Amino acid sequence: MNLSKIFNNHKEKRPSIVTIGTFDGMHIGHISLIKDMKELADKLIPIVISFNRPPKDVINKKNSKMILKLEEKKKMIKDLGIEKLISINFNSEIQELKCKDFIKILKDSLNMEVLILGEDTLIGNDRKGYKNGLIEILVDYGSRLIPISNKKDNQHKISSSQIKKSISDGDIVKVNQLLGRNFFISGKVIEGKRIGSTLGYPTANIQYDNNLIIPKDGIYKTETFVNGSAYLSATSIGNNPTFDGAEKTIETFIIDFNEDIYNNNIKVSFLKFIRDQKRFDDIESLKKHMSDDIKYIVSEKG
């Protein structure tokens, strides 16, 4: 289906204010832009056009890891009060469009009166932005541009790629600061090897999405959400080197919790990196370190 037909499926008679992006991670920059759009909307209908994957993945023919599942991202956008979310795949047709052609489609289908974008966002294969011709193109179609300054951290623009690096490094405190919320991984609890149970620390083994970026191997202080309730927890990421494991797992020991939650969907929210994964010479050494990890996490509870 071509782009015009896709947007005609979302035909809008009311004048609209539109923003465009991938919004992977829904970090504080994304949230600020969408909130600004809502505040500026007045009588305009706010519309978010979200690419399911980053355009640079298509252009560079790669498949980068994401911070959020698609449905999680959609929910976060709608929870900010967005009435219309158009989720599309960036493809070769979009890649080949000139900026003016893309703007014409948005004007014809969405009755776009205002386009709101980050100040360095470029549109079309001729890469038009607020500093090099986008304003003039919009005026030709009876629309206008509102550029939004980028949110910065230590004078650097906050970006999804920056956050992904911090996730890979296990710098969870930094990640949460840039996201404006706690980074989380959600998934179904599946049957594991029950190693934790034999050690006195039964864990929930999470079936995670391989398309998502995962923090580096190690032990983390976390908060686990089960059926809407939050519990302090310790989460291990890695391949259980003491037991010569080969497969990476995400296993969570939920403190002061003893319910059977197999096949339940849970969310593990990451608070702090505790230590690297380590191979121990014997089981007793492993158990002692696990006990120390739990004591440390509980001691920080307040």
C-alpha atoms as a PDB file:
ATOM      1  CA  MET A   1       0.000   0.000   0.000  1.00  0.00           C
ATOM      2  CA  ASN A   2       1.466   3.390  -0.974  1.00  0.00           C
ATOM      3  CA  LEU A   3       1.898   6.237   1.472  1.00  0.00           C
ATOM      4  CA  SER A   4      -1.013   8.342   0.242  1.00  0.00           C
ATOM      5  CA  LYS A   5      -3.415   5.422   0.746  1.00  0.00           C
ATOM      6  CA  ILE A   6      -2.018   4.766   4.240  1.00  0.00           C
ATOM      7  CA  PHE A   7      -2.649   8.350   5.331  1.00  0.00           C
ATOM      8  CA  ASN A   8      -5.989   8.527   3.548  1.00  0.00           C
ATOM      9  CA  ASN A   9      -7.084   5.725   5.894  1.00  0.00           C
ATOM     10  CA  HIS A  10      -6.592   8.335   8.628  1.00  0.00           C
ATOM     11  CA  LYS A  11      -8.315  11.160   6.759  1.00  0.00           C
ATOM     12  CA  GLU A  12      -8.881  14.109   9.062  1.00  0.00           C
ATOM     13  CA  LYS A  13     -11.343  16.935   8.391  1.00  0.00           C
ATOM     14  CA  ARG A  14     -10.424  18.910  11.484  1.00  0.00           C
ATOM     15  CA  PRO A  15      -7.225  21.003  11.308  1.00  0.00           C
ATOM     16  CA  SER A  16      -4.366  19.215  13.024  1.00  0.00           C
ATOM     17  CA  ILE A  17      -0.984  19.696  14.664  1.00  0.00           C
ATOM     18  CA  VAL A  18       1.404  16.900  13.707  1.00  0.00           C
ATOM     19  CA  THR A  19       4.744  15.550  14.877  1.00  0.00           C
ATOM     20  CA  ILE A  20       6.868  12.804  13.333  1.00  0.00           C
ATOM     21  CA  GLY A  21       9.527  10.458  14.712  1.00  0.00           C
ATOM     22  CA  THR A  22      10.498   6.973  15.819  1.00  0.00           C
ATOM     23  CA  PHE A  23      10.102   7.784  19.534  1.00  0.00           C
ATOM     24  CA  ASP A  24      12.075   4.689  20.551  1.00  0.00           C
ATOM     25  CA  GLY A  25      12.370   4.643  24.324  1.00  0.00           C
ATOM     26  CA  MET A  26       9.990   7.568  24.799  1.00  0.00           C
ATOM     27  CA  HIS A  27      12.752   9.466  26.613  1.00  0.00           C
ATOM     28  CA  ILE A  28      12.389  12.888  28.231  1.00  0.00           C
ATOM     29  CA  GLY A  29      12.993  14.638  24.897  1.00  0.00           C
ATOM     30  CA  HIS A  30      10.135  12.735  23.240  1.00  0.00           C
ATOM     31  CA  ILE A  31       7.832  13.267  26.201  1.00  0.00           C
ATOM     32  CA  SER A  32       8.599  16.994  26.307  1.00  0.00           C
ATOM     33  CA  LEU A  33       7.896  17.395  22.574  1.00  0.00           C
ATOM     34  CA  ILE A  34       4.548  15.588  22.777  1.00  0.00           C
ATOM     35  CA  LYS A  35       3.525  17.558  25.869  1.00  0.00           C
ATOM     36  CA  ASP A  36       4.443  20.793  24.085  1.00  0.00           C
ATOM     37  CA  MET A  37       2.324  19.702  21.135  1.00  0.00           C
ATOM     38  CA  LYS A  38      -0.648  19.067  23.408  1.00  0.00           C
ATOM     39  CA  GLU A  39      -0.286  22.477  25.040  1.00  0.00           C
ATOM     40  CA  LEU A  40      -0.017  24.232  21.668  1.00  0.00           C
ATOM     41  CA  ALA A  41      -2.867  22.297  20.081  1.00  0.00           C
ATOM     42  CA  ASP A  42      -5.674  24.592  21.253  1.00  0.00           C
ATOM     43  CA  LYS A  43      -8.458  23.663  18.799  1.00  0.00           C
ATOM     44  CA  LEU A  44      -6.179  21.523  16.628  1.00  0.00           C
ATOM     45  CA  ILE A  45      -6.236  17.735  16.844  1.00  0.00           C
ATOM     46  CA  PRO A  46      -2.811  16.415  17.953  1.00  0.00           C
ATOM     47  CA  ILE A  47      -1.495  13.643  15.697  1.00  0.00           C
ATOM     48  CA  VAL A  48       1.680  11.615  16.228  1.00  0.00           C
ATOM     49  CA  ILE A  49       3.201   9.808  13.247  1.00  0.00           C
ATOM     50  CA  SER A  50       5.502   7.134  14.626  1.00  0.00           C
ATOM     51  CA  PHE A  51       7.838   4.954  12.585  1.00  0.00           C
ATOM     52  CA  ASN A  52       7.881   1.349  13.816  1.00  0.00           C
ATOM     53  CA  ARG A  53      11.628   1.160  13.278  1.00  0.00           C
ATOM     54  CA  PRO A  54      14.246   3.907  12.865  1.00  0.00           C
ATOM     55  CA  PRO A  55      14.512   5.196   9.278  1.00  0.00           C
ATOM     56  CA  LYS A  56      18.300   4.796   9.446  1.00  0.00           C
ATOM     57  CA  ASP A  57      17.764   1.027   9.878  1.00  0.00           C
ATOM     58  CA  VAL A  58      16.057   0.908   6.482  1.00  0.00           C
ATOM     59  CA  ILE A  59      18.543   3.275   4.857  1.00  0.00           C
ATOM     60  CA  ASN A  60      21.576   1.414   6.231  1.00  0.00           C
ATOM     61  CA  LYS A  61      19.979  -2.037   5.845  1.00  0.00           C
ATOM     62  CA  LYS A  62      20.449  -3.035   9.475  1.00  0.00           C
ATOM     63  CA  ASN A  63      18.224  -4.102  12.322  1.00  0.00           C
ATOM     64  CA  SER A  64      19.100  -2.268  15.524  1.00  0.00           C
ATOM     65  CA  LYS A  65      17.807  -3.234  18.951  1.00  0.00           C
ATOM     66  CA  MET A  66      14.916  -1.218  20.366  1.00  0.00           C
ATOM     67  CA  ILE A  67      14.277   0.112  23.880  1.00  0.00           C
ATOM     68  CA  LEU A  68      10.541  -0.557  23.929  1.00  0.00           C
ATOM     69  CA  LYS A  69       8.196  -3.080  22.396  1.00  0.00           C
ATOM     70  CA  LEU A  70       5.976  -1.473  19.762  1.00  0.00           C
ATOM     71  CA  GLU A  71       2.814  -1.866  21.861  1.00  0.00           C
ATOM     72  CA  GLU A  72       4.549  -0.367  24.914  1.00  0.00           C
ATOM     73  CA  LYS A  73       5.594   2.665  22.885  1.00  0.00           C
ATOM     74  CA  LYS A  74       2.071   3.123  21.499  1.00  0.00           C
ATOM     75  CA  LYS A  75       0.574   2.963  24.984  1.00  0.00           C
ATOM     76  CA  MET A  76       2.991   5.582  26.330  1.00  0.00           C
ATOM     77  CA  ILE A  77       2.165   7.960  23.477  1.00  0.00           C
ATOM     78  CA  LYS A  78      -1.582   7.549  23.920  1.00  0.00           C
ATOM     79  CA  ASP A  79      -1.263   7.909  27.711  1.00  0.00           C
ATOM     80  CA  LEU A  80       0.053  11.427  27.059  1.00  0.00           C
ATOM     81  CA  GLY A  81      -3.375  12.307  25.664  1.00  0.00           C
ATOM     82  CA  ILE A  82      -2.727  11.853  21.956  1.00  0.00           C
ATOM     83  CA  GLU A  83      -6.043  11.375  20.154  1.00  0.00           C
ATOM     84  CA  LYS A  84      -4.610   9.979  16.929  1.00  0.00           C
ATOM     85  CA  LEU A  85      -1.468   7.840  16.593  1.00  0.00           C
ATOM     86  CA  ILE A  86      -0.444   6.713  13.104  1.00  0.00           C
ATOM     87  CA  SER A  87       2.099   3.918  13.313  1.00  0.00           C
ATOM     88  CA  ILE A  88       3.839   3.148  10.013  1.00  0.00           C
ATOM     89  CA  ASN A  89       6.812   1.322   8.570  1.00  0.00           C
ATOM     90  CA  PHE A  90       9.498   3.517   7.063  1.00  0.00           C
ATOM     91  CA  ASN A  91      10.098   2.033   3.609  1.00  0.00           C
ATOM     92  CA  SER A  92      11.837   2.743   0.313  1.00  0.00           C
ATOM     93  CA  GLU A  93       8.866   4.790  -0.935  1.00  0.00           C
ATOM     94  CA  ILE A  94       9.100   7.166   2.022  1.00  0.00           C
ATOM     95  CA  GLN A  95      12.883   7.216   1.704  1.00  0.00           C
ATOM     96  CA  GLU A  96      12.656   8.416  -1.908  1.00  0.00           C
ATOM     97  CA  LEU A  97      10.101  11.195  -1.254  1.00  0.00           C
ATOM     98  CA  LYS A  98      11.162  14.807  -1.403  1.00  0.00           C
ATOM     99  CA  CYS A  99      10.180  16.925   1.571  1.00  0.00           C
ATOM    100  CA  LYS A 100       7.518  18.899  -0.343  1.00  0.00           C
ATOM    101  CA  ASP A 101       5.831  15.682  -1.517  1.00  0.00           C
ATOM    102  CA  PHE A 102       5.674  14.318   2.017  1.00  0.00           C
ATOM    103  CA  ILE A 103       4.279  17.602   3.326  1.00  0.00           C
ATOM    104  CA  LYS A 104       1.634  17.599   0.581  1.00  0.00           C
ATOM    105  CA  ILE A 105       0.482  14.124   1.672  1.00  0.00           C
ATOM    106  CA  LEU A 106       0.207  15.277   5.291  1.00  0.00           C
ATOM    107  CA  LYS A 107      -1.698  18.400   4.269  1.00  0.00           C
ATOM    108  CA  ASP A 108      -4.107  16.561   1.966  1.00  0.00           C
ATOM    109  CA  SER A 109      -4.838  13.648   4.310  1.00  0.00           C
ATOM    110  CA  LEU A 110      -4.444  15.072   7.817  1.00  0.00           C
ATOM    111  CA  ASN A 111      -5.419  18.694   7.180  1.00  0.00           C
ATOM    112  CA  MET A 112      -2.129  19.622   8.838  1.00  0.00           C
ATOM    113  CA  GLU A 113      -2.073  23.221   9.997  1.00  0.00           C
ATOM    114  CA  VAL A 114       1.024  22.983  12.219  1.00  0.00           C
ATOM    115  CA  LEU A 115       4.071  20.704  12.114  1.00  0.00           C
ATOM    116  CA  ILE A 116       6.035  20.502  15.368  1.00  0.00           C
ATOM    117  CA  LEU A 117       9.515  18.955  15.276  1.00  0.00           C
ATOM    118  CA  GLY A 118      12.812  18.824  17.112  1.00  0.00           C
ATOM    119  CA  GLU A 119      15.037  21.638  15.865  1.00  0.00           C
ATOM    120  CA  ASP A 120      17.434  19.308  14.011  1.00  0.00           C
ATOM    121  CA  THR A 121      14.837  16.960  12.471  1.00  0.00           C
ATOM    122  CA  LEU A 122      15.125  16.666   8.680  1.00  0.00           C
ATOM    123  CA  ILE A 123      12.408  15.509   6.272  1.00  0.00           C
ATOM    124  CA  GLY A 124      12.617  13.971   2.806  1.00  0.00           C
ATOM    125  CA  ASN A 125      15.499  12.670   0.741  1.00  0.00           C
ATOM    126  CA  ASP A 126      16.492  16.310   0.218  1.00  0.00           C
ATOM    127  CA  ARG A 127      16.768  16.596   4.039  1.00  0.00           C
ATOM    128  CA  LYS A 128      14.846  19.782   4.674  1.00  0.00           C
ATOM    129  CA  GLY A 129      14.653  21.183   8.182  1.00  0.00           C
ATOM    130  CA  TYR A 130      13.814  24.377   9.956  1.00  0.00           C
ATOM    131  CA  LYS A 131      17.156  25.952   8.980  1.00  0.00           C
ATOM    132  CA  ASN A 132      17.126  25.097   5.276  1.00  0.00           C
ATOM    133  CA  GLY A 133      13.747  25.397   3.605  1.00  0.00           C
ATOM    134  CA  LEU A 134      11.115  23.436   5.546  1.00  0.00           C
ATOM    135  CA  ILE A 135       9.428  26.613   6.767  1.00  0.00           C
ATOM    136  CA  GLU A 136       9.008  27.877   3.211  1.00  0.00           C
ATOM    137  CA  ILE A 137       7.607  24.533   1.982  1.00  0.00           C
ATOM    138  CA  LEU A 138       5.034  24.507   4.781  1.00  0.00           C
ATOM    139  CA  VAL A 139       3.994  28.094   4.016  1.00  0.00           C
ATOM    140  CA  ASP A 140       3.377  27.074   0.393  1.00  0.00           C
ATOM    141  CA  TYR A 141       0.830  24.541   1.706  1.00  0.00           C
ATOM    142  CA  GLY A 142      -0.787  26.924   4.177  1.00  0.00           C
ATOM    143  CA  SER A 143       0.919  25.366   7.207  1.00  0.00           C
ATOM    144  CA  ARG A 144       3.580  26.466   9.654  1.00  0.00           C
ATOM    145  CA  LEU A 145       6.466  24.979  11.626  1.00  0.00           C
ATOM    146  CA  ILE A 146       7.087  25.075  15.365  1.00  0.00           C
ATOM    147  CA  PRO A 147      10.681  23.939  16.068  1.00  0.00           C
ATOM    148  CA  ILE A 148      11.376  22.603  19.556  1.00  0.00           C
ATOM    149  CA  SER A 149      14.799  22.854  21.174  1.00  0.00           C
ATOM    150  CA  ASN A 150      16.457  19.518  21.907  1.00  0.00           C
ATOM    151  CA  LYS A 151      16.588  18.323  25.490  1.00  0.00           C
ATOM    152  CA  LYS A 152      20.230  18.069  26.544  1.00  0.00           C
ATOM    153  CA  ASP A 153      22.358  16.244  29.082  1.00  0.00           C
ATOM    154  CA  ASN A 154      25.688  17.943  29.838  1.00  0.00           C
ATOM    155  CA  GLN A 155      25.288  19.996  26.653  1.00  0.00           C
ATOM    156  CA  HIS A 156      24.725  16.878  24.511  1.00  0.00           C
ATOM    157  CA  LYS A 157      21.411  16.115  22.839  1.00  0.00           C
ATOM    158  CA  ILE A 158      19.524  13.315  24.540  1.00  0.00           C
ATOM    159  CA  SER A 159      19.108  10.524  22.000  1.00  0.00           C
ATOM    160  CA  SER A 160      17.927   6.931  21.852  1.00  0.00           C
ATOM    161  CA  SER A 161      21.400   5.821  20.707  1.00  0.00           C
ATOM    162  CA  GLN A 162      22.952   7.465  23.768  1.00  0.00           C
ATOM    163  CA  ILE A 163      20.445   5.691  26.018  1.00  0.00           C
ATOM    164  CA  LYS A 164      21.036   2.334  24.302  1.00  0.00           C
ATOM    165  CA  LYS A 165      24.772   2.634  24.982  1.00  0.00           C
ATOM    166  CA  SER A 166      24.095   3.345  28.649  1.00  0.00           C
ATOM    167  CA  ILE A 167      21.776   0.305  28.817  1.00  0.00           C
ATOM    168  CA  SER A 168      24.478  -1.893  27.256  1.00  0.00           C
ATOM    169  CA  ASP A 169      26.988  -0.514  29.767  1.00  0.00           C
ATOM    170  CA  GLY A 170      24.662  -1.299  32.677  1.00  0.00           C
ATOM    171  CA  ASP A 171      24.574   2.374  33.709  1.00  0.00           C
ATOM    172  CA  ILE A 172      20.973   2.124  34.866  1.00  0.00           C
ATOM    173  CA  VAL A 173      21.007   5.292  36.968  1.00  0.00           C
ATOM    174  CA  LYS A 174      22.003   7.281  33.864  1.00  0.00           C
ATOM    175  CA  VAL A 175      19.456   5.448  31.708  1.00  0.00           C
ATOM    176  CA  ASN A 176      16.612   6.263  34.079  1.00  0.00           C
ATOM    177  CA  GLN A 177      17.698   9.905  34.251  1.00  0.00           C
ATOM    178  CA  LEU A 178      17.583  10.215  30.446  1.00  0.00           C
ATOM    179  CA  LEU A 179      14.307   8.314  30.091  1.00  0.00           C
ATOM    180  CA  GLY A 180      12.599  10.274  32.845  1.00  0.00           C
ATOM    181  CA  ARG A 181      11.298   6.945  34.175  1.00  0.00           C
ATOM    182  CA  ASN A 182      12.696   3.553  35.120  1.00  0.00           C
ATOM    183  CA  PHE A 183      13.893   1.339  32.276  1.00  0.00           C
ATOM    184  CA  PHE A 184      11.943  -1.920  32.240  1.00  0.00           C
ATOM    185  CA  ILE A 185      11.692  -5.299  30.539  1.00  0.00           C
ATOM    186  CA  SER A 186       8.384  -7.128  30.387  1.00  0.00           C
ATOM    187  CA  GLY A 187       7.578 -10.685  29.424  1.00  0.00           C
ATOM    188  CA  LYS A 188       5.984 -13.975  30.325  1.00  0.00           C
ATOM    189  CA  VAL A 189       7.371 -16.083  33.169  1.00  0.00           C
ATOM    190  CA  ILE A 190       8.550 -19.383  31.700  1.00  0.00           C
ATOM    191  CA  GLU A 191       9.919 -22.637  33.047  1.00  0.00           C
ATOM    192  CA  GLY A 192      13.654 -22.451  33.745  1.00  0.00           C
ATOM    193  CA  LYS A 193      16.212 -24.908  35.069  1.00  0.00           C
ATOM    194  CA  ARG A 194      15.099 -24.182  38.650  1.00  0.00           C
ATOM    195  CA  ILE A 195      18.686 -23.502  39.723  1.00  0.00           C
ATOM    196  CA  GLY A 196      17.530 -20.635  41.935  1.00  0.00           C
ATOM    197  CA  SER A 197      15.093 -22.883  43.779  1.00  0.00           C
ATOM    198  CA  THR A 198      17.842 -25.389  44.619  1.00  0.00           C
ATOM    199  CA  LEU A 199      19.870 -22.515  46.097  1.00  0.00           C
ATOM    200  CA  GLY A 200      16.975 -21.178  48.157  1.00  0.00           C
ATOM    201  CA  TYR A 201      16.270 -18.260  45.824  1.00  0.00           C
ATOM    202  CA  PRO A 202      13.484 -19.245  43.403  1.00  0.00           C
ATOM    203  CA  THR A 203      13.469 -16.933  40.417  1.00  0.00           C
ATOM    204  CA  ALA A 204      11.018 -15.886  37.717  1.00  0.00           C
ATOM    205  CA  ASN A 205      12.610 -16.628  34.347  1.00  0.00           C
ATOM    206  CA  ILE A 206      11.405 -13.989  31.853  1.00  0.00           C
ATOM    207  CA  GLN A 207      10.781 -14.735  28.195  1.00  0.00           C
ATOM    208  CA  TYR A 208      12.221 -11.526  26.781  1.00  0.00           C
ATOM    209  CA  ASP A 209      12.007 -10.052  23.276  1.00  0.00           C
ATOM    210  CA  ASN A 210      15.226 -10.559  21.293  1.00  0.00           C
ATOM    211  CA  ASN A 211      14.529  -7.346  19.371  1.00  0.00           C
ATOM    212  CA  LEU A 212      15.060  -5.321  22.538  1.00  0.00           C
ATOM    213  CA  ILE A 213      18.327  -4.053  23.943  1.00  0.00           C
ATOM    214  CA  ILE A 214      19.282  -5.838  27.176  1.00  0.00           C
ATOM    215  CA  PRO A 215      21.566  -4.498  29.939  1.00  0.00           C
ATOM    216  CA  LYS A 216      24.997  -6.044  30.302  1.00  0.00           C
ATOM    217  CA  ASP A 217      25.348  -9.270  32.276  1.00  0.00           C
ATOM    218  CA  GLY A 218      25.231  -8.798  36.024  1.00  0.00           C
ATOM    219  CA  ILE A 219      23.072  -8.415  39.111  1.00  0.00           C
ATOM    220  CA  TYR A 220      20.615  -5.540  39.370  1.00  0.00           C
ATOM    221  CA  LYS A 221      18.413  -4.003  42.004  1.00  0.00           C
ATOM    222  CA  THR A 222      14.938  -4.048  40.471  1.00  0.00           C
ATOM    223  CA  GLU A 223      11.255  -3.640  41.169  1.00  0.00           C
ATOM    224  CA  THR A 224       8.984  -6.328  39.767  1.00  0.00           C
ATOM    225  CA  PHE A 225       5.333  -5.700  38.947  1.00  0.00           C
ATOM    226  CA  VAL A 226       2.982  -8.669  39.271  1.00  0.00           C
ATOM    227  CA  ASN A 227      -0.751  -8.181  38.686  1.00  0.00           C
ATOM    228  CA  GLY A 228      -0.394  -4.460  39.292  1.00  0.00           C
ATOM    229  CA  SER A 229       1.545  -4.763  42.575  1.00  0.00           C
ATOM    230  CA  ALA A 230       5.208  -3.777  42.949  1.00  0.00           C
ATOM    231  CA  TYR A 231       7.805  -5.880  44.791  1.00  0.00           C
ATOM    232  CA  LEU A 232      11.464  -5.259  45.510  1.00  0.00           C
ATOM    233  CA  SER A 233      13.600  -7.755  43.612  1.00  0.00           C
ATOM    234  CA  ALA A 234      17.078  -8.819  42.512  1.00  0.00           C
ATOM    235  CA  THR A 235      17.529  -9.584  38.821  1.00  0.00           C
ATOM    236  CA  SER A 236      20.315 -11.599  37.245  1.00  0.00           C
ATOM    237  CA  ILE A 237      21.210 -11.248  33.567  1.00  0.00           C
ATOM    238  CA  GLY A 238      23.643 -13.744  32.099  1.00  0.00           C
ATOM    239  CA  ASN A 239      24.351 -17.387  31.373  1.00  0.00           C
ATOM    240  CA  ASN A 240      24.874 -18.791  34.899  1.00  0.00           C
ATOM    241  CA  PRO A 241      28.656 -19.353  34.480  1.00  0.00           C
ATOM    242  CA  THR A 242      28.950 -21.283  37.763  1.00  0.00           C
ATOM    243  CA  PHE A 243      26.711 -23.937  36.169  1.00  0.00           C
ATOM    244  CA  ASP A 244      28.344 -23.661  32.707  1.00  0.00           C
ATOM    245  CA  GLY A 245      25.202 -22.198  31.180  1.00  0.00           C
ATOM    246  CA  ALA A 246      25.204 -21.338  27.492  1.00  0.00           C
ATOM    247  CA  GLU A 247      21.964 -19.378  27.126  1.00  0.00           C
ATOM    248  CA  LYS A 248      21.473 -15.803  28.318  1.00  0.00           C
ATOM    249  CA  THR A 249      18.588 -15.556  30.757  1.00  0.00           C
ATOM    250  CA  ILE A 250      16.862 -12.819  32.744  1.00  0.00           C
ATOM    251  CA  GLU A 251      15.893 -14.198  36.149  1.00  0.00           C
ATOM    252  CA  THR A 252      14.291 -12.265  38.969  1.00  0.00           C
ATOM    253  CA  PHE A 253      14.156 -13.174  42.646  1.00  0.00           C
ATOM    254  CA  ILE A 254      11.152 -11.339  44.080  1.00  0.00           C
ATOM    255  CA  ILE A 255      11.784 -10.573  47.747  1.00  0.00           C
ATOM    256  CA  ASP A 256       9.097 -11.633  50.258  1.00  0.00           C
ATOM    257  CA  PHE A 257       7.015 -13.246  47.522  1.00  0.00           C
ATOM    258  CA  ASN A 258       6.029 -16.894  47.170  1.00  0.00           C
ATOM    259  CA  GLU A 259       3.187 -17.055  44.624  1.00  0.00           C
ATOM    260  CA  ASP A 260       3.176 -19.312  41.570  1.00  0.00           C
ATOM    261  CA  ILE A 261       3.379 -16.911  38.603  1.00  0.00           C
ATOM    262  CA  TYR A 262       4.319 -19.260  35.748  1.00  0.00           C
ATOM    263  CA  ASN A 263       2.809 -18.037  32.451  1.00  0.00           C
ATOM    264  CA  ASN A 264       2.018 -14.644  34.007  1.00  0.00           C
ATOM    265  CA  ASN A 265       3.232 -11.476  32.306  1.00  0.00           C
ATOM    266  CA  ILE A 266       5.404  -9.395  34.607  1.00  0.00           C
ATOM    267  CA  LYS A 267       7.374  -6.173  34.310  1.00  0.00           C
ATOM    268  CA  VAL A 268      10.863  -5.799  35.766  1.00  0.00           C
ATOM    269  CA  SER A 269      11.851  -2.199  36.381  1.00  0.00           C
ATOM    270  CA  PHE A 270      15.623  -1.616  36.748  1.00  0.00           C
ATOM    271  CA  LEU A 271      16.869   0.648  39.536  1.00  0.00           C
ATOM    272  CA  LYS A 272      20.608   0.083  39.931  1.00  0.00           C
ATOM    273  CA  PHE A 273      23.523  -2.109  38.775  1.00  0.00           C
ATOM    274  CA  ILE A 274      24.904  -4.111  41.730  1.00  0.00           C
ATOM    275  CA  ARG A 275      27.791  -6.210  40.384  1.00  0.00           C
ATOM    276  CA  ASP A 276      29.126  -8.066  37.369  1.00  0.00           C
ATOM    277  CA  GLN A 277      28.255 -11.673  36.681  1.00  0.00           C
ATOM    278  CA  LYS A 278      30.918 -13.959  38.139  1.00  0.00           C
ATOM    279  CA  ARG A 279      31.846 -17.618  38.038  1.00  0.00           C
ATOM    280  CA  PHE A 280      32.184 -19.075  41.529  1.00  0.00           C
ATOM    281  CA  ASP A 281      34.344 -22.053  42.480  1.00  0.00           C
ATOM    282  CA  ASP A 282      31.640 -23.686  44.561  1.00  0.00           C
ATOM    283  CA  ILE A 283      27.927 -23.466  45.333  1.00  0.00           C
ATOM    284  CA  GLU A 284      28.412 -22.148  48.858  1.00  0.00           C
ATOM    285  CA  SER A 285      30.359 -19.133  47.565  1.00  0.00           C
ATOM    286  CA  LEU A 286      27.576 -18.431  45.084  1.00  0.00           C
ATOM    287  CA  LYS A 287      24.910 -18.683  47.800  1.00  0.00           C
ATOM    288  CA  LYS A 288      26.838 -16.305  50.059  1.00  0.00           C
ATOM    289  CA  HIS A 289      27.116 -13.690  47.301  1.00  0.00           C
ATOM    290  CA  MET A 290      23.419 -14.067  46.521  1.00  0.00           C
ATOM    291  CA  SER A 291      22.599 -13.570  50.180  1.00  0.00           C
ATOM    292  CA  ASP A 292      24.850 -10.495  50.294  1.00  0.00           C
ATOM    293  CA  ASP A 293      23.171  -9.100  47.170  1.00  0.00           C
ATOM    294  CA  ILE A 294      19.710  -9.452  48.712  1.00  0.00           C
ATOM    295  CA  LYS A 295      20.818  -7.884  52.016  1.00  0.00           C
ATOM    296  CA  TYR A 296      22.326  -4.934  50.158  1.00  0.00           C
ATOM    297  CA  ILE A 297      19.198  -4.403  48.056  1.00  0.00           C
ATOM    298  CA  VAL A 298      16.892  -4.614  51.107  1.00  0.00           C
ATOM    299  CA  SER A 299      19.126  -2.240  53.085  1.00  0.00           C
ATOM    300  CA  GLU A 300      18.658   0.368  50.353  1.00  0.00           C
ATOM    301  CA  LYS A 301      14.882  -0.065  50.324  1.00  0.00           C
ATOM    302  CA  GLY A 302      14.187   3.281  51.971  1.00  0.00           C
END
